[in-house]
Amino acid sequence: MKQPTPTKKNLQATSPMWLSVADVAVLLQVCRQTVYSYLRAGLPSKKIRGIRRIRRDELEQWLNQF
């Protein structure tokens, strides 16, 4: 059965504040390479101890642009 597409409401309820690339890929049901494409296209992120992290609220804002 297909998982529902993440919405603002269920993204807030189930996700930690900082997400890894893999976390974002699972939430959006895309591969990690697609998330890296989103990062190159302007999805805000930070490197924390060498690991790329995306703030949940910034992901929501970025998704709402489309």
PDB file of N, CA and C in Angstrom:
ATOM      1  N   MET A   1       0.842  -1.171   0.000  1.00  0.00           N
ATOM      2  CA  MET A   1       0.000   0.000   0.000  1.00  0.00           C
ATOM      3  C   MET A   1       0.894   1.244   0.000  1.00  0.00           C
ATOM      4  N   LYS A   2       0.560   2.207  -0.798  1.00  0.00           N
ATOM      5  CA  LYS A   2       1.366   3.420  -0.908  1.00  0.00           C
ATOM      6  C   LYS A   2       1.211   4.288   0.338  1.00  0.00           C
ATOM      7  N   GLN A   3       2.347   4.797   0.814  1.00  0.00           N
ATOM      8  CA  GLN A   3       2.336   5.698   1.970  1.00  0.00           C
ATOM      9  C   GLN A   3       1.776   7.050   1.548  1.00  0.00           C
ATOM     10  N   PRO A   4       1.061   7.752   2.424  1.00  0.00           N
ATOM     11  CA  PRO A   4       0.558   9.075   2.072  1.00  0.00           C
ATOM     12  C   PRO A   4       1.705  10.064   1.911  1.00  0.00           C
ATOM     13  N   THR A   5       1.516  11.021   1.022  1.00  0.00           N
ATOM     14  CA  THR A   5       2.503  12.076   0.827  1.00  0.00           C
ATOM     15  C   THR A   5       2.557  12.934   2.081  1.00  0.00           C
ATOM     16  N   PRO A   6       3.757  13.286   2.540  1.00  0.00           N
ATOM     17  CA  PRO A   6       3.855  14.102   3.750  1.00  0.00           C
ATOM     18  C   PRO A   6       3.148  15.444   3.583  1.00  0.00           C
ATOM     19  N   THR A   7       2.448  15.839   4.596  1.00  0.00           N
ATOM     20  CA  THR A   7       1.827  17.159   4.620  1.00  0.00           C
ATOM     21  C   THR A   7       2.468  17.949   5.738  1.00  0.00           C
ATOM     22  N   LYS A   8       2.194  19.243   5.767  1.00  0.00           N
ATOM     23  CA  LYS A   8       2.767  20.085   6.812  1.00  0.00           C
ATOM     24  C   LYS A   8       2.396  19.543   8.189  1.00  0.00           C
ATOM     25  N   LYS A   9       1.152  19.123   8.356  1.00  0.00           N
ATOM     26  CA  LYS A   9       0.691  18.657   9.660  1.00  0.00           C
ATOM     27  C   LYS A   9       1.418  17.387  10.099  1.00  0.00           C
ATOM     28  N   ASN A  10       1.467  16.363   9.234  1.00  0.00           N
ATOM     29  CA  ASN A  10       2.095  15.119   9.681  1.00  0.00           C
ATOM     30  C   ASN A  10       3.607  15.190   9.651  1.00  0.00           C
ATOM     31  N   LEU A  11       4.196  16.099   8.880  1.00  0.00           N
ATOM     32  CA  LEU A  11       5.640  16.289   8.899  1.00  0.00           C
ATOM     33  C   LEU A  11       6.062  16.850  10.248  1.00  0.00           C
ATOM     34  N   GLN A  12       5.315  17.806  10.776  1.00  0.00           N
ATOM     35  CA  GLN A  12       5.634  18.392  12.079  1.00  0.00           C
ATOM     36  C   GLN A  12       5.468  17.376  13.197  1.00  0.00           C
ATOM     37  N   ALA A  13       4.491  16.549  13.090  1.00  0.00           N
ATOM     38  CA  ALA A  13       4.174  15.636  14.180  1.00  0.00           C
ATOM     39  C   ALA A  13       5.143  14.464  14.285  1.00  0.00           C
ATOM     40  N   THR A  14       5.786  14.100  13.181  1.00  0.00           N
ATOM     41  CA  THR A  14       6.550  12.864  13.200  1.00  0.00           C
ATOM     42  C   THR A  14       8.045  13.029  12.986  1.00  0.00           C
ATOM     43  N   SER A  15       8.526  14.223  12.701  1.00  0.00           N
ATOM     44  CA  SER A  15       9.928  14.403  12.334  1.00  0.00           C
ATOM     45  C   SER A  15      10.693  15.183  13.383  1.00  0.00           C
ATOM     46  N   PRO A  16      11.969  14.837  13.579  1.00  0.00           N
ATOM     47  CA  PRO A  16      12.804  15.659  14.457  1.00  0.00           C
ATOM     48  C   PRO A  16      13.075  17.013  13.811  1.00  0.00           C
ATOM     49  N   MET A  17      13.623  17.943  14.580  1.00  0.00           N
ATOM     50  CA  MET A  17      13.878  19.287  14.066  1.00  0.00           C
ATOM     51  C   MET A  17      14.867  19.275  12.905  1.00  0.00           C
ATOM     52  N   TRP A  18      15.939  18.496  13.010  1.00  0.00           N
ATOM     53  CA  TRP A  18      16.951  18.392  11.958  1.00  0.00           C
ATOM     54  C   TRP A  18      16.812  17.037  11.283  1.00  0.00           C
ATOM     55  N   LEU A  19      16.805  17.032   9.950  1.00  0.00           N
ATOM     56  CA  LEU A  19      16.650  15.808   9.181  1.00  0.00           C
ATOM     57  C   LEU A  19      17.904  15.536   8.362  1.00  0.00           C
ATOM     58  N   SER A  20      18.240  14.284   8.206  1.00  0.00           N
ATOM     59  CA  SER A  20      19.338  13.908   7.319  1.00  0.00           C
ATOM     60  C   SER A  20      18.804  13.840   5.890  1.00  0.00           C
ATOM     61  N   VAL A  21      19.715  13.729   4.939  1.00  0.00           N
ATOM     62  CA  VAL A  21      19.308  13.563   3.542  1.00  0.00           C
ATOM     63  C   VAL A  21      18.452  12.304   3.407  1.00  0.00           C
ATOM     64  N   ALA A  22      18.847  11.242   4.075  1.00  0.00           N
ATOM     65  CA  ALA A  22      18.079   9.991   4.025  1.00  0.00           C
ATOM     66  C   ALA A  22      16.686  10.172   4.621  1.00  0.00           C
ATOM     67  N   ASP A  23      16.578  10.918   5.725  1.00  0.00           N
ATOM     68  CA  ASP A  23      15.272  11.183   6.337  1.00  0.00           C
ATOM     69  C   ASP A  23      14.353  11.912   5.360  1.00  0.00           C
ATOM     70  N   VAL A  24      14.893  12.936   4.705  1.00  0.00           N
ATOM     71  CA  VAL A  24      14.102  13.716   3.746  1.00  0.00           C
ATOM     72  C   VAL A  24      13.669  12.822   2.588  1.00  0.00           C
ATOM     73  N   ALA A  25      14.567  11.968   2.120  1.00  0.00           N
ATOM     74  CA  ALA A  25      14.233  11.057   1.025  1.00  0.00           C
ATOM     75  C   ALA A  25      13.069  10.143   1.410  1.00  0.00           C
ATOM     76  N   VAL A  26      13.097   9.615   2.622  1.00  0.00           N
ATOM     77  CA  VAL A  26      12.010   8.747   3.083  1.00  0.00           C
ATOM     78  C   VAL A  26      10.711   9.537   3.193  1.00  0.00           C
ATOM     79  N   LEU A  27      10.764  10.721   3.776  1.00  0.00           N
ATOM     80  CA  LEU A  27       9.557  11.535   3.944  1.00  0.00           C
ATOM     81  C   LEU A  27       8.915  11.901   2.613  1.00  0.00           C
ATOM     82  N   LEU A  28       9.754  12.234   1.628  1.00  0.00           N
ATOM     83  CA  LEU A  28       9.233  12.683   0.336  1.00  0.00           C
ATOM     84  C   LEU A  28       9.070  11.543  -0.665  1.00  0.00           C
ATOM     85  N   GLN A  29       9.467  10.340  -0.254  1.00  0.00           N
ATOM     86  CA  GLN A  29       9.371   9.150  -1.099  1.00  0.00           C
ATOM     87  C   GLN A  29      10.126   9.339  -2.413  1.00  0.00           C
ATOM     88  N   VAL A  30      11.369   9.807  -2.272  1.00  0.00           N
ATOM     89  CA  VAL A  30      12.284   9.966  -3.403  1.00  0.00           C
ATOM     90  C   VAL A  30      13.621   9.349  -3.007  1.00  0.00           C
ATOM     91  N   CYS A  31      14.520   9.201  -3.975  1.00  0.00           N
ATOM     92  CA  CYS A  31      15.842   8.673  -3.637  1.00  0.00           C
ATOM     93  C   CYS A  31      16.734   9.796  -3.099  1.00  0.00           C
ATOM     94  N   ARG A  32      17.825   9.417  -2.459  1.00  0.00           N
ATOM     95  CA  ARG A  32      18.738  10.404  -1.877  1.00  0.00           C
ATOM     96  C   ARG A  32      19.312  11.331  -2.943  1.00  0.00           C
ATOM     97  N   GLN A  33      19.567  10.807  -4.136  1.00  0.00           N
ATOM     98  CA  GLN A  33      20.103  11.647  -5.208  1.00  0.00           C
ATOM     99  C   GLN A  33      19.135  12.772  -5.561  1.00  0.00           C
ATOM    100  N   THR A  34      17.841  12.510  -5.481  1.00  0.00           N
ATOM    101  CA  THR A  34      16.844  13.554  -5.734  1.00  0.00           C
ATOM    102  C   THR A  34      16.937  14.634  -4.667  1.00  0.00           C
ATOM    103  N   VAL A  35      17.134  14.240  -3.420  1.00  0.00           N
ATOM    104  CA  VAL A  35      17.286  15.225  -2.341  1.00  0.00           C
ATOM    105  C   VAL A  35      18.531  16.074  -2.590  1.00  0.00           C
ATOM    106  N   TYR A  36      19.627  15.450  -3.028  1.00  0.00           N
ATOM    107  CA  TYR A  36      20.829  16.226  -3.352  1.00  0.00           C
ATOM    108  C   TYR A  36      20.556  17.192  -4.504  1.00  0.00           C
ATOM    109  N   SER A  37      19.718  16.802  -5.455  1.00  0.00           N
ATOM    110  CA  SER A  37      19.321  17.722  -6.531  1.00  0.00           C
ATOM    111  C   SER A  37      18.537  18.900  -5.963  1.00  0.00           C
ATOM    112  N   TYR A  38      17.645  18.619  -5.001  1.00  0.00           N
ATOM    113  CA  TYR A  38      16.894  19.691  -4.342  1.00  0.00           C
ATOM    114  C   TYR A  38      17.842  20.639  -3.618  1.00  0.00           C
ATOM    115  N   LEU A  39      18.875  20.090  -2.983  1.00  0.00           N
ATOM    116  CA  LEU A  39      19.857  20.926  -2.286  1.00  0.00           C
ATOM    117  C   LEU A  39      20.573  21.844  -3.279  1.00  0.00           C
ATOM    118  N   ARG A  40      20.948  21.305  -4.435  1.00  0.00           N
ATOM    119  CA  ARG A  40      21.592  22.137  -5.465  1.00  0.00           C
ATOM    120  C   ARG A  40      20.628  23.185  -6.012  1.00  0.00           C
ATOM    121  N   ALA A  41      19.331  22.878  -5.985  1.00  0.00           N
ATOM    122  CA  ALA A  41      18.313  23.802  -6.492  1.00  0.00           C
ATOM    123  C   ALA A  41      17.897  24.845  -5.462  1.00  0.00           C
ATOM    124  N   GLY A  42      18.452  24.763  -4.244  1.00  0.00           N
ATOM    125  CA  GLY A  42      18.167  25.800  -3.262  1.00  0.00           C
ATOM    126  C   GLY A  42      17.557  25.368  -1.948  1.00  0.00           C
ATOM    127  N   LEU A  43      17.327  24.081  -1.747  1.00  0.00           N
ATOM    128  CA  LEU A  43      16.825  23.622  -0.450  1.00  0.00           C
ATOM    129  C   LEU A  43      17.868  23.950   0.611  1.00  0.00           C
ATOM    130  N   PRO A  44      17.514  24.760   1.616  1.00  0.00           N
ATOM    131  CA  PRO A  44      18.500  25.158   2.628  1.00  0.00           C
ATOM    132  C   PRO A  44      18.962  23.972   3.476  1.00  0.00           C
ATOM    133  N   SER A  45      20.247  23.985   3.809  1.00  0.00           N
ATOM    134  CA  SER A  45      20.803  22.938   4.663  1.00  0.00           C
ATOM    135  C   SER A  45      22.051  23.465   5.351  1.00  0.00           C
ATOM    136  N   LYS A  46      22.515  22.691   6.323  1.00  0.00           N
ATOM    137  CA  LYS A  46      23.747  23.003   7.048  1.00  0.00           C
ATOM    138  C   LYS A  46      24.526  21.709   7.208  1.00  0.00           C
ATOM    139  N   LYS A  47      25.835  21.837   7.296  1.00  0.00           N
ATOM    140  CA  LYS A  47      26.662  20.684   7.635  1.00  0.00           C
ATOM    141  C   LYS A  47      26.937  20.737   9.125  1.00  0.00           C
ATOM    142  N   ILE A  48      26.540  19.700   9.819  1.00  0.00           N
ATOM    143  CA  ILE A  48      26.748  19.599  11.257  1.00  0.00           C
ATOM    144  C   ILE A  48      27.635  18.383  11.492  1.00  0.00           C
ATOM    145  N   ARG A  49      28.857  18.649  11.978  1.00  0.00           N
ATOM    146  CA  ARG A  49      29.848  17.580  12.194  1.00  0.00           C
ATOM    147  C   ARG A  49      30.044  16.735  10.940  1.00  0.00           C
ATOM    148  N   GLY A  50      30.083  17.415   9.801  1.00  0.00           N
ATOM    149  CA  GLY A  50      30.350  16.744   8.538  1.00  0.00           C
ATOM    150  C   GLY A  50      29.165  16.062   7.885  1.00  0.00           C
ATOM    151  N   ILE A  51      27.989  16.162   8.506  1.00  0.00           N
ATOM    152  CA  ILE A  51      26.793  15.517   7.958  1.00  0.00           C
ATOM    153  C   ILE A  51      25.804  16.593   7.534  1.00  0.00           C
ATOM    154  N   ARG A  52      25.316  16.489   6.306  1.00  0.00           N
ATOM    155  CA  ARG A  52      24.350  17.452   5.773  1.00  0.00           C
ATOM    156  C   ARG A  52      23.021  17.272   6.487  1.00  0.00           C
ATOM    157  N   ARG A  53      22.478  18.368   7.031  1.00  0.00           N
ATOM    158  CA  ARG A  53      21.198  18.338   7.743  1.00  0.00           C
ATOM    159  C   ARG A  53      20.270  19.412   7.192  1.00  0.00           C
ATOM    160  N   ILE A  54      18.979  19.104   7.190  1.00  0.00           N
ATOM    161  CA  ILE A  54      17.952  20.020   6.708  1.00  0.00           C
ATOM    162  C   ILE A  54      16.981  20.258   7.853  1.00  0.00           C
ATOM    163  N   ARG A  55      16.741  21.538   8.145  1.00  0.00           N
ATOM    164  CA  ARG A  55      15.757  21.854   9.190  1.00  0.00           C
ATOM    165  C   ARG A  55      14.362  21.526   8.675  1.00  0.00           C
ATOM    166  N   ARG A  56      13.579  20.895   9.528  1.00  0.00           N
ATOM    167  CA  ARG A  56      12.221  20.510   9.154  1.00  0.00           C
ATOM    168  C   ARG A  56      11.395  21.709   8.699  1.00  0.00           C
ATOM    169  N   ASP A  57      11.465  22.831   9.437  1.00  0.00           N
ATOM    170  CA  ASP A  57      10.656  23.995   9.074  1.00  0.00           C
ATOM    171  C   ASP A  57      11.108  24.608   7.748  1.00  0.00           C
ATOM    172  N   GLU A  58      12.417  24.574   7.456  1.00  0.00           N
ATOM    173  CA  GLU A  58      12.905  25.096   6.180  1.00  0.00           C
ATOM    174  C   GLU A  58      12.495  24.184   5.025  1.00  0.00           C
ATOM    175  N   LEU A  59      12.446  22.879   5.271  1.00  0.00           N
ATOM    176  CA  LEU A  59      11.957  21.949   4.254  1.00  0.00           C
ATOM    177  C   LEU A  59      10.499  22.262   3.930  1.00  0.00           C
ATOM    178  N   GLU A  60       9.689  22.466   4.965  1.00  0.00           N
ATOM    179  CA  GLU A  60       8.276  22.792   4.762  1.00  0.00           C
ATOM    180  C   GLU A  60       8.119  24.072   3.954  1.00  0.00           C
ATOM    181  N   GLN A  61       8.876  25.109   4.312  1.00  0.00           N
ATOM    182  CA  GLN A  61       8.805  26.376   3.580  1.00  0.00           C
ATOM    183  C   GLN A  61       9.211  26.181   2.128  1.00  0.00           C
ATOM    184  N   TRP A  62      10.273  25.434   1.903  1.00  0.00           N
ATOM    185  CA  TRP A  62      10.760  25.205   0.548  1.00  0.00           C
ATOM    186  C   TRP A  62       9.726  24.442  -0.276  1.00  0.00           C
ATOM    187  N   LEU A  63       9.096  23.432   0.330  1.00  0.00           N
ATOM    188  CA  LEU A  63       8.077  22.655  -0.378  1.00  0.00           C
ATOM    189  C   LEU A  63       6.848  23.497  -0.697  1.00  0.00           C
ATOM    190  N   ASN A  64       6.500  24.429   0.179  1.00  0.00           N
ATOM    191  CA  ASN A  64       5.322  25.267  -0.037  1.00  0.00           C
ATOM    192  C   ASN A  64       5.495  26.252  -1.182  1.00  0.00           C
ATOM    193  N   GLN A  65       6.718  26.432  -1.666  1.00  0.00           N
ATOM    194  CA  GLN A  65       6.952  27.322  -2.804  1.00  0.00           C
ATOM    195  C   GLN A  65       6.405  26.727  -4.100  1.00  0.00           C
ATOM    196  N   PHE A  66       6.171  25.420  -4.120  1.00  0.00           N
ATOM    197  CA  PHE A  66       5.790  24.754  -5.371  1.00  0.00           C
ATOM    198  C   PHE A  66       4.356  24.354  -5.381  1.00  0.00           C
TER     199      PHE A  66
END
